[in-house]
C-alpha atoms as a PDB file:
ATOM      1  CA  MET A   1     -32.576  53.074 127.741  1.00  0.00           C
ATOM      2  CA  GLU A   2     -32.557  51.922 124.061  1.00  0.00           C
ATOM      3  CA  ARG A   3     -29.424  54.397 123.483  1.00  0.00           C
ATOM      4  CA  PHE A   4     -27.779  52.696 126.228  1.00  0.00           C
ATOM      5  CA  LEU A   5     -28.338  49.373 124.769  1.00  0.00           C
ATOM      6  CA  SER A   6     -27.521  50.336 121.137  1.00  0.00           C
ATOM      7  CA  LYS A   7     -23.928  51.761 122.292  1.00  0.00           C
ATOM      8  CA  LEU A   8     -23.537  48.612 124.507  1.00  0.00           C
ATOM      9  CA  PHE A   9     -24.182  46.095 121.815  1.00  0.00           C
ATOM     10  CA  GLU A  10     -21.677  48.241 119.515  1.00  0.00           C
ATOM     11  CA  LYS A  11     -18.940  47.929 121.557  1.00  0.00           C
ATOM     12  CA  LEU A  12     -19.485  44.577 122.133  1.00  0.00           C
ATOM     13  CA  ARG A  13     -19.606  43.799 118.331  1.00  0.00           C
ATOM     14  CA  ASN A  14     -15.956  45.661 118.273  1.00  0.00           C
ATOM     15  CA  THR A  15     -14.916  43.758 121.018  1.00  0.00           C
ATOM     16  CA  LYS A  16     -13.248  40.026 120.937  1.00  0.00           C
ATOM     17  CA  ALA A  17     -15.247  37.179 121.930  1.00  0.00           C
ATOM     18  CA  GLY A  18     -12.602  35.962 124.178  1.00  0.00           C
ATOM     19  CA  VAL A  19     -12.865  38.932 126.256  1.00  0.00           C
ATOM     20  CA  ILE A  20     -16.633  38.779 126.675  1.00  0.00           C
ATOM     21  CA  PHE A  21     -16.712  35.212 127.673  1.00  0.00           C
ATOM     22  CA  ALA A  22     -13.603  35.458 129.940  1.00  0.00           C
ATOM     23  CA  VAL A  23     -15.950  38.187 131.764  1.00  0.00           C
ATOM     24  CA  LEU A  24     -19.073  36.451 131.615  1.00  0.00           C
ATOM     25  CA  PHE A  25     -17.358  33.076 133.186  1.00  0.00           C
ATOM     26  CA  PHE A  26     -15.421  35.103 135.789  1.00  0.00           C
ATOM     27  CA  ILE A  27     -18.870  36.835 136.969  1.00  0.00           C
ATOM     28  CA  ILE A  28     -20.559  33.149 136.945  1.00  0.00           C
ATOM     29  CA  GLY A  29     -17.403  31.631 138.660  1.00  0.00           C
ATOM     30  CA  LEU A  30     -17.436  34.418 141.624  1.00  0.00           C
ATOM     31  CA  LEU A  31     -21.551  33.761 141.747  1.00  0.00           C
ATOM     32  CA  LEU A  32     -20.947  30.229 142.170  1.00  0.00           C
ATOM     33  CA  CYS A  33     -17.900  30.977 145.024  1.00  0.00           C
ATOM     34  CA  ILE A  34     -20.043  33.381 146.983  1.00  0.00           C
ATOM     35  CA  PHE A  35     -23.550  31.823 146.698  1.00  0.00           C
ATOM     36  CA  GLY A  36     -23.102  27.920 145.472  1.00  0.00           C
ATOM     37  CA  PHE A  37     -24.577  26.046 142.836  1.00  0.00           C
ATOM     38  CA  PHE A  38     -28.379  26.256 143.775  1.00  0.00           C
ATOM     39  CA  LYS A  39     -28.530  30.092 144.502  1.00  0.00           C
ATOM     40  CA  THR A  40     -26.627  30.730 141.474  1.00  0.00           C
ATOM     41  CA  LEU A  41     -28.708  28.590 139.219  1.00  0.00           C
ATOM     42  CA  PHE A  42     -31.788  30.532 140.806  1.00  0.00           C
ATOM     43  CA  ILE A  43     -30.310  33.785 140.153  1.00  0.00           C
ATOM     44  CA  LEU A  44     -29.451  32.899 136.663  1.00  0.00           C
ATOM     45  CA  LEU A  45     -32.982  31.628 135.939  1.00  0.00           C
ATOM     46  CA  MET A  46     -34.873  34.593 137.473  1.00  0.00           C
ATOM     47  CA  THR A  47     -32.774  36.776 135.402  1.00  0.00           C
ATOM     48  CA  ALA A  48     -33.627  35.221 132.278  1.00  0.00           C
ATOM     49  CA  VAL A  49     -37.285  35.039 133.364  1.00  0.00           C
ATOM     50  CA  GLY A  50     -37.142  38.600 133.916  1.00  0.00           C
ATOM     51  CA  PHE A  51     -35.507  39.294 130.549  1.00  0.00           C
ATOM     52  CA  PHE A  52     -38.228  37.404 128.672  1.00  0.00           C
ATOM     53  CA  VAL A  53     -41.071  38.507 130.719  1.00  0.00           C
ATOM     54  CA  GLY A  54     -39.981  42.391 130.299  1.00  0.00           C
ATOM     55  CA  SER A  55     -39.320  42.435 126.576  1.00  0.00           C
ATOM     56  CA  PHE A  56     -42.700  40.466 125.999  1.00  0.00           C
ATOM     57  CA  LEU A  57     -44.568  43.071 127.872  1.00  0.00           C
ATOM     58  CA  PHE A  58     -42.419  46.253 127.048  1.00  0.00           C
ATOM     59  CA  SER A  59     -42.546  45.396 123.593  1.00  0.00           C
ATOM     60  CA  ASP A  60     -46.025  46.659 122.991  1.00  0.00           C
ATOM     61  CA  THR A  61     -47.360  49.313 125.187  1.00  0.00           C
ATOM     62  CA  SER A  62     -51.056  48.160 124.639  1.00  0.00           C
ATOM     63  CA  LYS A  63     -50.019  44.467 125.925  1.00  0.00           C
ATOM     64  CA  PHE A  64     -48.959  46.335 128.836  1.00  0.00           C
ATOM     65  CA  LYS A  65     -51.832  48.220 129.327  1.00  0.00           C
ATOM     66  CA  LYS A  66     -54.113  44.851 129.125  1.00  0.00           C
ATOM     67  CA  PHE A  67     -51.812  43.511 131.641  1.00  0.00           C
ATOM     68  CA  LEU A  68     -52.059  46.413 133.900  1.00  0.00           C
ATOM     69  CA  ASP A  69     -55.902  46.082 133.584  1.00  0.00           C
ATOM     70  CA  ARG A  70     -55.840  42.351 134.452  1.00  0.00           C
ATOM     71  CA  ILE A  71     -54.052  42.961 137.724  1.00  0.00           C
ATOM     72  CA  LEU A  72     -55.561  46.672 138.550  1.00  0.00           C
ATOM     73  CA  PRO A  73     -59.457  47.245 138.265  1.00  0.00           C
ATOM     74  CA  PRO A  74     -59.505  49.328 134.787  1.00  0.00           C
ATOM     75  CA  GLY A  75     -60.739  53.125 134.963  1.00  0.00           C
ATOM     76  CA  ARG A  76     -60.067  53.143 138.786  1.00  0.00           C
ATOM     77  CA  PHE A  77     -56.623  54.829 138.417  1.00  0.00           C
ATOM     78  CA  ARG A  78     -56.690  56.282 135.020  1.00  0.00           C
END
């Protein structure tokens, strides 16, 4: 996954900003036409929350293990 993201970011660095924002706003426009304003806002909000929670939890494996220990009883499945 890290290799994929590094290749993606390298391609984005070489691409003009106009192309990137054109594609981004095209996708947002499609979402607005298909789902409506509030559903699109909800999708974008949940995507941002998922990104930030995922980057926080998976940045350090010990944080992720502590999070799992809070949810699941520790020692039962490990």
